[in-house]
Amino acid sequence: MKDVFSSYVLTALTDVITGGSANDATPSIGVYRSAYALHEFMMECGVSFQVDGSRVPSVRDKLRELIFIDPTGADIVRMIEHVADPRAYISEPEKGGAVVDHLNKALEADGFRVVVIRGKARLQKITRDSAVLDAFGSKANILDFDTVIREIDRALANAEIDPEDAVTAACSILESVCRSILIEMGETLPPKRDISGLMRALQDILGLSPARTDLPADVADDIRQVLSGLTTTAKGIGALRTHGGDAHGREKGRRSVDARIARLAIHSSSTIALFLIETWERQNNPKTKN
């Protein structure tokens, strides 16, 4: 059986767990851990460990031993999530960011990445649709849309384990983006603040209404069809939240949607939200028009 994690991941994990060699002039990635601190770290991960000689080789050998015993890498996953946990770097968050970046450079080729969800680090498989979520998450972070970030985290965390809640969060993502942009533009929120009402208000303000008449004649029908699709998809996400999400409760033992449908709702919502944010940026921030 092929090991789930390559030697490059084990090396990167060794770097961030140990903080490097005491004789290395290179600054530590994350924090430097003494032999005692390494023992405590491993214990917290459920792994028996003692430094035998030098710190760094001892940790590297332990990781190799663990992956040899269990090629699925369950212990390695726990260590990755533990060492990347932002709560370990509350006073120095930049060190936590450096740890995640260092790990992700090694993890990407193995098909994984570390993401921070609700203040905890999680190891996730990279999917074909990750690019949209990454781009959207970056935009939301840059624009400081706190509510949006919380809903992204909630949706990603629950897609597999609680798809109904993920669908509800997917709808909330789009509603939050619409509200945030309207507020940023100094606009009054519409009387009906569900996803349909918010989308309609924002489309009118951003010039995204299918009814607009100033489109180039050769592509007017095509653009109107795409803009109509935005409205239809947004309404569909809202309806799915009503009938398949958990916003209005759920019957005991009944599951209306599965993870596949939840991911569809998340990706659809994120794609529309990213487009709305980028449209708003182009119209309201000259620096982003290129």
C-alpha atoms as a PDB file:
ATOM      1  CA  MET A   1       0.000   0.000   0.000  1.00  0.00           C
ATOM      2  CA  LYS A   2       1.287   3.456  -0.921  1.00  0.00           C
ATOM      3  CA  ASP A   3       1.801   5.764   2.046  1.00  0.00           C
ATOM      4  CA  VAL A   4      -0.784   8.550   2.070  1.00  0.00           C
ATOM      5  CA  PHE A   5       1.911  11.102   2.962  1.00  0.00           C
ATOM      6  CA  SER A   6       5.219  11.482   1.136  1.00  0.00           C
ATOM      7  CA  SER A   7       8.633  11.917   2.741  1.00  0.00           C
ATOM      8  CA  TYR A   8       8.422  15.607   1.844  1.00  0.00           C
ATOM      9  CA  VAL A   9       5.369  16.017   4.073  1.00  0.00           C
ATOM     10  CA  LEU A  10       7.096  14.184   6.917  1.00  0.00           C
ATOM     11  CA  THR A  11      10.118  16.487   6.554  1.00  0.00           C
ATOM     12  CA  ALA A  12       7.927  19.603   6.580  1.00  0.00           C
ATOM     13  CA  LEU A  13       6.044  18.278   9.603  1.00  0.00           C
ATOM     14  CA  THR A  14       9.347  17.643  11.382  1.00  0.00           C
ATOM     15  CA  ASP A  15      10.339  21.256  10.657  1.00  0.00           C
ATOM     16  CA  VAL A  16       7.231  22.765  12.238  1.00  0.00           C
ATOM     17  CA  ILE A  17       7.006  20.386  15.191  1.00  0.00           C
ATOM     18  CA  THR A  18      10.623  20.836  16.267  1.00  0.00           C
ATOM     19  CA  GLY A  19      11.211  24.405  15.154  1.00  0.00           C
ATOM     20  CA  GLY A  20      14.494  23.251  13.670  1.00  0.00           C
ATOM     21  CA  SER A  21      17.872  22.407  15.123  1.00  0.00           C
ATOM     22  CA  ALA A  22      19.253  24.364  18.049  1.00  0.00           C
ATOM     23  CA  ASN A  23      22.462  24.875  16.054  1.00  0.00           C
ATOM     24  CA  ASP A  24      20.674  26.190  12.978  1.00  0.00           C
ATOM     25  CA  ALA A  25      20.868  29.959  12.557  1.00  0.00           C
ATOM     26  CA  THR A  26      17.735  29.899  10.370  1.00  0.00           C
ATOM     27  CA  PRO A  27      14.687  31.257  12.232  1.00  0.00           C
ATOM     28  CA  SER A  28      12.277  28.588  13.457  1.00  0.00           C
ATOM     29  CA  ILE A  29       9.101  27.930  11.479  1.00  0.00           C
ATOM     30  CA  GLY A  30       6.506  28.301  14.181  1.00  0.00           C
ATOM     31  CA  VAL A  31       8.004  27.749  17.620  1.00  0.00           C
ATOM     32  CA  TYR A  32      11.124  25.972  18.833  1.00  0.00           C
ATOM     33  CA  ARG A  33      10.283  22.999  21.074  1.00  0.00           C
ATOM     34  CA  SER A  34      12.687  21.575  23.622  1.00  0.00           C
ATOM     35  CA  ALA A  35      12.953  17.823  24.210  1.00  0.00           C
ATOM     36  CA  TYR A  36      10.423  18.109  27.030  1.00  0.00           C
ATOM     37  CA  ALA A  37       8.057  20.225  24.901  1.00  0.00           C
ATOM     38  CA  LEU A  38       8.291  17.653  22.100  1.00  0.00           C
ATOM     39  CA  HIS A  39       7.384  14.887  24.527  1.00  0.00           C
ATOM     40  CA  GLU A  40       4.350  16.907  25.668  1.00  0.00           C
ATOM     41  CA  PHE A  41       3.340  17.655  22.070  1.00  0.00           C
ATOM     42  CA  MET A  42       3.431  13.985  21.120  1.00  0.00           C
ATOM     43  CA  MET A  43       1.476  13.014  24.222  1.00  0.00           C
ATOM     44  CA  GLU A  44      -1.218  15.516  23.273  1.00  0.00           C
ATOM     45  CA  CYS A  45      -1.417  13.756  19.895  1.00  0.00           C
ATOM     46  CA  GLY A  46      -1.733  10.331  21.552  1.00  0.00           C
ATOM     47  CA  VAL A  47       1.780   9.221  20.573  1.00  0.00           C
ATOM     48  CA  SER A  48       4.437   7.821  22.908  1.00  0.00           C
ATOM     49  CA  PHE A  49       7.761   9.584  22.314  1.00  0.00           C
ATOM     50  CA  GLN A  50      11.132  10.287  23.875  1.00  0.00           C
ATOM     51  CA  VAL A  51      14.058  12.143  22.360  1.00  0.00           C
ATOM     52  CA  ASP A  52      16.886   9.678  21.682  1.00  0.00           C
ATOM     53  CA  GLY A  53      19.969  11.735  21.023  1.00  0.00           C
ATOM     54  CA  SER A  54      19.132  14.750  18.892  1.00  0.00           C
ATOM     55  CA  ARG A  55      15.667  16.320  18.758  1.00  0.00           C
ATOM     56  CA  VAL A  56      15.142  16.681  15.010  1.00  0.00           C
ATOM     57  CA  PRO A  57      16.290  13.176  13.958  1.00  0.00           C
ATOM     58  CA  SER A  58      14.254  11.665  16.817  1.00  0.00           C
ATOM     59  CA  VAL A  59      11.065  13.323  15.591  1.00  0.00           C
ATOM     60  CA  ARG A  60      11.787  12.460  11.960  1.00  0.00           C
ATOM     61  CA  ASP A  61      12.378   8.810  12.859  1.00  0.00           C
ATOM     62  CA  LYS A  62       9.163   8.719  14.895  1.00  0.00           C
ATOM     63  CA  LEU A  63       7.104  10.055  11.997  1.00  0.00           C
ATOM     64  CA  ARG A  64       8.597   7.444   9.662  1.00  0.00           C
ATOM     65  CA  GLU A  65       7.829   4.739  12.203  1.00  0.00           C
ATOM     66  CA  LEU A  66       4.216   5.894  12.497  1.00  0.00           C
ATOM     67  CA  ILE A  67       3.647   5.950   8.741  1.00  0.00           C
ATOM     68  CA  PHE A  68       5.242   2.490   8.445  1.00  0.00           C
ATOM     69  CA  ILE A  69       2.928   1.072  11.119  1.00  0.00           C
ATOM     70  CA  ASP A  70      -0.161   2.788   9.702  1.00  0.00           C
ATOM     71  CA  PRO A  71       0.135   3.856   6.036  1.00  0.00           C
ATOM     72  CA  THR A  72      -3.227   5.667   6.292  1.00  0.00           C
ATOM     73  CA  GLY A  73      -1.448   8.246   8.441  1.00  0.00           C
ATOM     74  CA  ALA A  74      -4.048   8.763  11.174  1.00  0.00           C
ATOM     75  CA  ASP A  75      -1.396   9.817  13.695  1.00  0.00           C
ATOM     76  CA  ILE A  76       0.208  12.125  11.134  1.00  0.00           C
ATOM     77  CA  VAL A  77      -3.140  13.814  10.496  1.00  0.00           C
ATOM     78  CA  ARG A  78      -3.568  14.491  14.216  1.00  0.00           C
ATOM     79  CA  MET A  79      -0.086  15.989  14.397  1.00  0.00           C
ATOM     80  CA  ILE A  80      -0.621  18.200  11.364  1.00  0.00           C
ATOM     81  CA  GLU A  81      -3.873  19.561  12.762  1.00  0.00           C
ATOM     82  CA  HIS A  82      -2.405  19.991  16.232  1.00  0.00           C
ATOM     83  CA  VAL A  83       0.763  21.806  15.187  1.00  0.00           C
ATOM     84  CA  ALA A  84      -1.215  24.083  12.851  1.00  0.00           C
ATOM     85  CA  ASP A  85      -3.888  24.932  15.445  1.00  0.00           C
ATOM     86  CA  PRO A  86      -4.006  28.760  15.609  1.00  0.00           C
ATOM     87  CA  ARG A  87      -4.672  28.651  19.348  1.00  0.00           C
ATOM     88  CA  ALA A  88      -1.018  27.690  19.825  1.00  0.00           C
ATOM     89  CA  TYR A  89       0.029  31.026  18.314  1.00  0.00           C
ATOM     90  CA  ILE A  90      -2.443  33.482  19.851  1.00  0.00           C
ATOM     91  CA  SER A  91       0.276  35.956  20.859  1.00  0.00           C
ATOM     92  CA  GLU A  92       2.183  35.488  17.580  1.00  0.00           C
ATOM     93  CA  PRO A  93      -0.374  34.662  14.849  1.00  0.00           C
ATOM     94  CA  GLU A  94       2.169  35.242  12.094  1.00  0.00           C
ATOM     95  CA  LYS A  95       4.013  32.134  13.284  1.00  0.00           C
ATOM     96  CA  GLY A  96       0.843  30.084  12.953  1.00  0.00           C
ATOM     97  CA  GLY A  97       0.422  31.378   9.415  1.00  0.00           C
ATOM     98  CA  ALA A  98       4.008  30.430   8.589  1.00  0.00           C
ATOM     99  CA  VAL A  99       3.389  26.881   9.868  1.00  0.00           C
ATOM    100  CA  VAL A 100       0.299  26.454   7.677  1.00  0.00           C
ATOM    101  CA  ASP A 101       2.101  27.859   4.628  1.00  0.00           C
ATOM    102  CA  HIS A 102       5.094  25.579   5.136  1.00  0.00           C
ATOM    103  CA  LEU A 103       2.934  22.491   5.518  1.00  0.00           C
ATOM    104  CA  ASN A 104       0.738  23.335   2.545  1.00  0.00           C
ATOM    105  CA  LYS A 105       3.714  23.678   0.207  1.00  0.00           C
ATOM    106  CA  ALA A 106       4.557  20.035   0.946  1.00  0.00           C
ATOM    107  CA  LEU A 107       0.971  18.773   1.194  1.00  0.00           C
ATOM    108  CA  GLU A 108      -0.293  20.125  -2.136  1.00  0.00           C
ATOM    109  CA  ALA A 109       1.436  17.485  -4.277  1.00  0.00           C
ATOM    110  CA  ASP A 110      -0.030  14.783  -2.026  1.00  0.00           C
ATOM    111  CA  GLY A 111      -3.524  16.199  -2.630  1.00  0.00           C
ATOM    112  CA  PHE A 112      -4.116  17.802   0.776  1.00  0.00           C
ATOM    113  CA  ARG A 113      -4.103  21.196   2.402  1.00  0.00           C
ATOM    114  CA  VAL A 114      -4.515  22.651   5.883  1.00  0.00           C
ATOM    115  CA  VAL A 115      -7.379  25.101   6.350  1.00  0.00           C
ATOM    116  CA  VAL A 116      -8.462  26.925   9.484  1.00  0.00           C
ATOM    117  CA  ILE A 117     -12.162  26.398  10.202  1.00  0.00           C
ATOM    118  CA  ARG A 118     -13.859  27.973  13.214  1.00  0.00           C
ATOM    119  CA  GLY A 119     -10.506  28.626  14.819  1.00  0.00           C
ATOM    120  CA  LYS A 120      -9.263  25.051  14.371  1.00  0.00           C
ATOM    121  CA  ALA A 121      -6.887  23.596  11.804  1.00  0.00           C
ATOM    122  CA  ARG A 122      -8.278  20.824   9.603  1.00  0.00           C
ATOM    123  CA  LEU A 123      -6.616  18.709   6.954  1.00  0.00           C
ATOM    124  CA  GLN A 124      -8.704  18.529   3.795  1.00  0.00           C
ATOM    125  CA  LYS A 125      -8.403  16.778   0.468  1.00  0.00           C
ATOM    126  CA  ILE A 126      -7.977  19.151  -2.448  1.00  0.00           C
ATOM    127  CA  THR A 127     -10.910  18.855  -4.843  1.00  0.00           C
ATOM    128  CA  ARG A 128     -11.368  20.099  -8.381  1.00  0.00           C
ATOM    129  CA  ASP A 129     -13.567  22.909  -7.061  1.00  0.00           C
ATOM    130  CA  SER A 130     -11.133  24.182  -4.424  1.00  0.00           C
ATOM    131  CA  ALA A 131      -9.944  27.034  -6.652  1.00  0.00           C
ATOM    132  CA  VAL A 132     -13.270  28.887  -6.508  1.00  0.00           C
ATOM    133  CA  LEU A 133     -13.546  28.475  -2.749  1.00  0.00           C
ATOM    134  CA  ASP A 134      -9.951  29.626  -2.280  1.00  0.00           C
ATOM    135  CA  ALA A 135     -10.477  32.702  -4.457  1.00  0.00           C
ATOM    136  CA  PHE A 136     -13.753  33.543  -2.746  1.00  0.00           C
ATOM    137  CA  GLY A 137     -12.302  33.004   0.732  1.00  0.00           C
ATOM    138  CA  SER A 138      -9.349  35.258  -0.109  1.00  0.00           C
ATOM    139  CA  LYS A 139     -11.670  38.026  -1.308  1.00  0.00           C
ATOM    140  CA  ALA A 140     -13.838  37.757   1.789  1.00  0.00           C
ATOM    141  CA  ASN A 141     -10.734  37.891   4.006  1.00  0.00           C
ATOM    142  CA  ILE A 142      -9.318  40.924   2.207  1.00  0.00           C
ATOM    143  CA  LEU A 143     -12.627  42.759   2.441  1.00  0.00           C
ATOM    144  CA  ASP A 144     -13.040  41.775   6.106  1.00  0.00           C
ATOM    145  CA  PHE A 145     -16.488  40.238   5.633  1.00  0.00           C
ATOM    146  CA  ASP A 146     -16.463  38.525   9.028  1.00  0.00           C
ATOM    147  CA  THR A 147     -19.944  37.014   8.752  1.00  0.00           C
ATOM    148  CA  VAL A 148     -19.117  35.600   5.329  1.00  0.00           C
ATOM    149  CA  ILE A 149     -15.943  33.951   6.615  1.00  0.00           C
ATOM    150  CA  ARG A 150     -17.864  32.285   9.443  1.00  0.00           C
ATOM    151  CA  GLU A 151     -20.428  30.881   7.002  1.00  0.00           C
ATOM    152  CA  ILE A 152     -17.701  29.564   4.676  1.00  0.00           C
ATOM    153  CA  ASP A 153     -16.085  27.784   7.608  1.00  0.00           C
ATOM    154  CA  ARG A 154     -19.432  26.373   8.693  1.00  0.00           C
ATOM    155  CA  ALA A 155     -20.300  25.117   5.206  1.00  0.00           C
ATOM    156  CA  LEU A 156     -16.930  23.458   4.633  1.00  0.00           C
ATOM    157  CA  ALA A 157     -16.927  21.859   8.052  1.00  0.00           C
ATOM    158  CA  ASN A 158     -20.361  20.303   7.620  1.00  0.00           C
ATOM    159  CA  ALA A 159     -20.515  19.278   3.952  1.00  0.00           C
ATOM    160  CA  GLU A 160     -19.788  15.648   4.782  1.00  0.00           C
ATOM    161  CA  ILE A 161     -21.032  15.257   8.346  1.00  0.00           C
ATOM    162  CA  ASP A 162     -24.143  17.474   8.212  1.00  0.00           C
ATOM    163  CA  PRO A 163     -25.106  18.309   4.605  1.00  0.00           C
ATOM    164  CA  GLU A 164     -28.409  19.923   5.640  1.00  0.00           C
ATOM    165  CA  ASP A 165     -26.569  22.467   7.766  1.00  0.00           C
ATOM    166  CA  ALA A 166     -24.027  22.973   4.961  1.00  0.00           C
ATOM    167  CA  VAL A 167     -26.878  23.839   2.573  1.00  0.00           C
ATOM    168  CA  THR A 168     -28.214  26.361   5.095  1.00  0.00           C
ATOM    169  CA  ALA A 169     -24.728  27.861   5.437  1.00  0.00           C
ATOM    170  CA  ALA A 170     -24.323  28.005   1.631  1.00  0.00           C
ATOM    171  CA  CYS A 171     -27.463  30.136   1.395  1.00  0.00           C
ATOM    172  CA  SER A 172     -26.280  32.292   4.285  1.00  0.00           C
ATOM    173  CA  ILE A 173     -22.971  32.875   2.461  1.00  0.00           C
ATOM    174  CA  LEU A 174     -24.739  34.493  -0.470  1.00  0.00           C
ATOM    175  CA  GLU A 175     -27.126  36.458   1.749  1.00  0.00           C
ATOM    176  CA  SER A 176     -24.201  37.724   3.834  1.00  0.00           C
ATOM    177  CA  VAL A 177     -22.252  38.841   0.754  1.00  0.00           C
ATOM    178  CA  CYS A 178     -25.279  40.705  -0.610  1.00  0.00           C
ATOM    179  CA  ARG A 179     -25.929  42.415   2.729  1.00  0.00           C
ATOM    180  CA  SER A 180     -22.238  43.271   3.215  1.00  0.00           C
ATOM    181  CA  ILE A 181     -21.894  44.861  -0.229  1.00  0.00           C
ATOM    182  CA  LEU A 182     -25.119  46.840   0.144  1.00  0.00           C
ATOM    183  CA  ILE A 183     -23.952  48.140   3.529  1.00  0.00           C
ATOM    184  CA  GLU A 184     -20.477  48.961   2.174  1.00  0.00           C
ATOM    185  CA  MET A 185     -22.141  50.954  -0.622  1.00  0.00           C
ATOM    186  CA  GLY A 186     -24.304  52.832   1.873  1.00  0.00           C
ATOM    187  CA  GLU A 187     -27.494  51.392   0.409  1.00  0.00           C
ATOM    188  CA  THR A 188     -30.653  50.672   2.393  1.00  0.00           C
ATOM    189  CA  LEU A 189     -31.367  46.980   2.767  1.00  0.00           C
ATOM    190  CA  PRO A 190     -34.551  45.858   0.980  1.00  0.00           C
ATOM    191  CA  PRO A 191     -37.706  45.165   3.035  1.00  0.00           C
ATOM    192  CA  LYS A 192     -37.516  41.491   2.033  1.00  0.00           C
ATOM    193  CA  ARG A 193     -34.083  40.333   3.158  1.00  0.00           C
ATOM    194  CA  ASP A 194     -34.149  36.759   1.966  1.00  0.00           C
ATOM    195  CA  ILE A 195     -31.819  35.625  -0.791  1.00  0.00           C
ATOM    196  CA  SER A 196     -34.246  36.618  -3.593  1.00  0.00           C
ATOM    197  CA  GLY A 197     -34.853  40.112  -2.242  1.00  0.00           C
ATOM    198  CA  LEU A 198     -31.189  40.779  -1.530  1.00  0.00           C
ATOM    199  CA  MET A 199     -30.031  39.481  -4.921  1.00  0.00           C
ATOM    200  CA  ARG A 200     -32.641  41.574  -6.746  1.00  0.00           C
ATOM    201  CA  ALA A 201     -31.580  44.734  -4.906  1.00  0.00           C
ATOM    202  CA  LEU A 202     -27.891  44.148  -5.507  1.00  0.00           C
ATOM    203  CA  GLN A 203     -28.294  43.188  -9.162  1.00  0.00           C
ATOM    204  CA  ASP A 204     -30.119  46.455  -9.843  1.00  0.00           C
ATOM    205  CA  ILE A 205     -27.441  48.529  -8.091  1.00  0.00           C
ATOM    206  CA  LEU A 206     -24.505  46.714  -9.738  1.00  0.00           C
ATOM    207  CA  GLY A 207     -26.069  46.736 -13.189  1.00  0.00           C
ATOM    208  CA  LEU A 208     -26.543  42.981 -13.262  1.00  0.00           C
ATOM    209  CA  SER A 209     -30.287  42.922 -13.906  1.00  0.00           C
ATOM    210  CA  PRO A 210     -31.345  40.779 -16.875  1.00  0.00           C
ATOM    211  CA  ALA A 211     -33.701  43.617 -17.813  1.00  0.00           C
ATOM    212  CA  ARG A 212     -30.909  46.107 -18.613  1.00  0.00           C
ATOM    213  CA  THR A 213     -31.091  47.554 -22.127  1.00  0.00           C
ATOM    214  CA  ASP A 214     -27.577  48.965 -22.621  1.00  0.00           C
ATOM    215  CA  LEU A 215     -25.862  45.713 -23.628  1.00  0.00           C
ATOM    216  CA  PRO A 216     -23.987  45.282 -26.939  1.00  0.00           C
ATOM    217  CA  ALA A 217     -26.462  43.961 -29.496  1.00  0.00           C
ATOM    218  CA  ASP A 218     -24.336  41.007 -30.592  1.00  0.00           C
ATOM    219  CA  VAL A 219     -24.122  39.524 -27.063  1.00  0.00           C
ATOM    220  CA  ALA A 220     -27.160  41.080 -25.365  1.00  0.00           C
ATOM    221  CA  ASP A 221     -29.274  37.923 -25.351  1.00  0.00           C
ATOM    222  CA  ASP A 222     -26.358  35.800 -24.132  1.00  0.00           C
ATOM    223  CA  ILE A 223     -25.519  38.139 -21.265  1.00  0.00           C
ATOM    224  CA  ARG A 224     -29.169  38.396 -20.248  1.00  0.00           C
ATOM    225  CA  GLN A 225     -29.374  34.609 -20.160  1.00  0.00           C
ATOM    226  CA  VAL A 226     -26.303  34.422 -17.899  1.00  0.00           C
ATOM    227  CA  LEU A 227     -27.656  37.149 -15.615  1.00  0.00           C
ATOM    228  CA  SER A 228     -31.008  35.353 -15.471  1.00  0.00           C
ATOM    229  CA  GLY A 229     -29.079  32.238 -14.490  1.00  0.00           C
ATOM    230  CA  LEU A 230     -27.621  34.089 -11.497  1.00  0.00           C
ATOM    231  CA  THR A 231     -31.107  34.893 -10.299  1.00  0.00           C
ATOM    232  CA  THR A 232     -32.423  31.386 -10.935  1.00  0.00           C
ATOM    233  CA  THR A 233     -29.494  29.716  -9.197  1.00  0.00           C
ATOM    234  CA  ALA A 234     -29.730  32.029  -6.187  1.00  0.00           C
ATOM    235  CA  LYS A 235     -33.458  31.320  -5.881  1.00  0.00           C
ATOM    236  CA  GLY A 236     -32.748  27.605  -6.177  1.00  0.00           C
ATOM    237  CA  ILE A 237     -30.224  27.757  -3.334  1.00  0.00           C
ATOM    238  CA  GLY A 238     -32.789  29.587  -1.213  1.00  0.00           C
ATOM    239  CA  ALA A 239     -35.460  27.013  -1.999  1.00  0.00           C
ATOM    240  CA  LEU A 240     -33.060  24.180  -1.232  1.00  0.00           C
ATOM    241  CA  ARG A 241     -32.342  25.771   2.139  1.00  0.00           C
ATOM    242  CA  THR A 242     -36.080  25.884   2.837  1.00  0.00           C
ATOM    243  CA  HIS A 243     -36.836  22.323   1.783  1.00  0.00           C
ATOM    244  CA  GLY A 244     -33.527  20.514   2.308  1.00  0.00           C
ATOM    245  CA  GLY A 245     -31.610  22.553   4.863  1.00  0.00           C
ATOM    246  CA  ASP A 246     -32.016  22.725   8.614  1.00  0.00           C
ATOM    247  CA  ALA A 247     -32.991  26.394   8.967  1.00  0.00           C
ATOM    248  CA  HIS A 248     -36.580  25.388   9.678  1.00  0.00           C
ATOM    249  CA  GLY A 249     -35.835  22.188  11.555  1.00  0.00           C
ATOM    250  CA  ARG A 250     -35.743  18.654  10.229  1.00  0.00           C
ATOM    251  CA  GLU A 251     -37.579  15.419  10.737  1.00  0.00           C
ATOM    252  CA  LYS A 252     -35.843  12.919  12.999  1.00  0.00           C
ATOM    253  CA  GLY A 253     -33.889  10.362  10.989  1.00  0.00           C
ATOM    254  CA  ARG A 254     -34.704  11.977   7.644  1.00  0.00           C
ATOM    255  CA  ARG A 255     -31.895  13.230   5.395  1.00  0.00           C
ATOM    256  CA  SER A 256     -33.096  15.314   2.453  1.00  0.00           C
ATOM    257  CA  VAL A 257     -29.724  15.986   0.823  1.00  0.00           C
ATOM    258  CA  ASP A 258     -26.361  14.287   0.712  1.00  0.00           C
ATOM    259  CA  ALA A 259     -22.812  15.667   0.671  1.00  0.00           C
ATOM    260  CA  ARG A 260     -22.856  15.833  -3.132  1.00  0.00           C
ATOM    261  CA  ILE A 261     -25.829  18.227  -3.140  1.00  0.00           C
ATOM    262  CA  ALA A 262     -24.369  20.189  -0.233  1.00  0.00           C
ATOM    263  CA  ARG A 263     -21.129  20.732  -2.161  1.00  0.00           C
ATOM    264  CA  LEU A 264     -23.116  21.820  -5.225  1.00  0.00           C
ATOM    265  CA  ALA A 265     -24.892  24.438  -3.114  1.00  0.00           C
ATOM    266  CA  ILE A 266     -21.610  25.606  -1.540  1.00  0.00           C
ATOM    267  CA  HIS A 267     -19.781  25.916  -4.855  1.00  0.00           C
ATOM    268  CA  SER A 268     -22.717  27.565  -6.623  1.00  0.00           C
ATOM    269  CA  SER A 269     -23.171  30.066  -3.814  1.00  0.00           C
ATOM    270  CA  SER A 270     -19.439  30.798  -3.663  1.00  0.00           C
ATOM    271  CA  THR A 271     -19.183  31.288  -7.423  1.00  0.00           C
ATOM    272  CA  ILE A 272     -22.058  33.792  -7.474  1.00  0.00           C
ATOM    273  CA  ALA A 273     -20.734  35.555  -4.374  1.00  0.00           C
ATOM    274  CA  LEU A 274     -17.229  35.849  -5.883  1.00  0.00           C
ATOM    275  CA  PHE A 275     -18.711  37.357  -9.061  1.00  0.00           C
ATOM    276  CA  LEU A 276     -20.738  39.879  -7.037  1.00  0.00           C
ATOM    277  CA  ILE A 277     -17.691  40.916  -5.004  1.00  0.00           C
ATOM    278  CA  GLU A 278     -15.517  41.311  -8.101  1.00  0.00           C
ATOM    279  CA  THR A 279     -18.237  43.330  -9.862  1.00  0.00           C
ATOM    280  CA  TRP A 280     -18.566  45.600  -6.837  1.00  0.00           C
ATOM    281  CA  GLU A 281     -14.769  46.019  -6.690  1.00  0.00           C
ATOM    282  CA  ARG A 282     -14.567  47.007 -10.367  1.00  0.00           C
ATOM    283  CA  GLN A 283     -17.289  49.601  -9.956  1.00  0.00           C
ATOM    284  CA  ASN A 284     -16.200  51.058  -6.629  1.00  0.00           C
ATOM    285  CA  ASN A 285     -12.440  50.630  -6.414  1.00  0.00           C
ATOM    286  CA  PRO A 286     -10.429  51.839  -9.424  1.00  0.00           C
ATOM    287  CA  LYS A 287      -7.356  49.934  -8.211  1.00  0.00           C
ATOM    288  CA  THR A 288      -9.064  46.587  -8.922  1.00  0.00           C
ATOM    289  CA  LYS A 289     -10.242  47.294 -12.472  1.00  0.00           C
ATOM    290  CA  ASN A 290      -7.356  45.539 -14.196  1.00  0.00           C
END
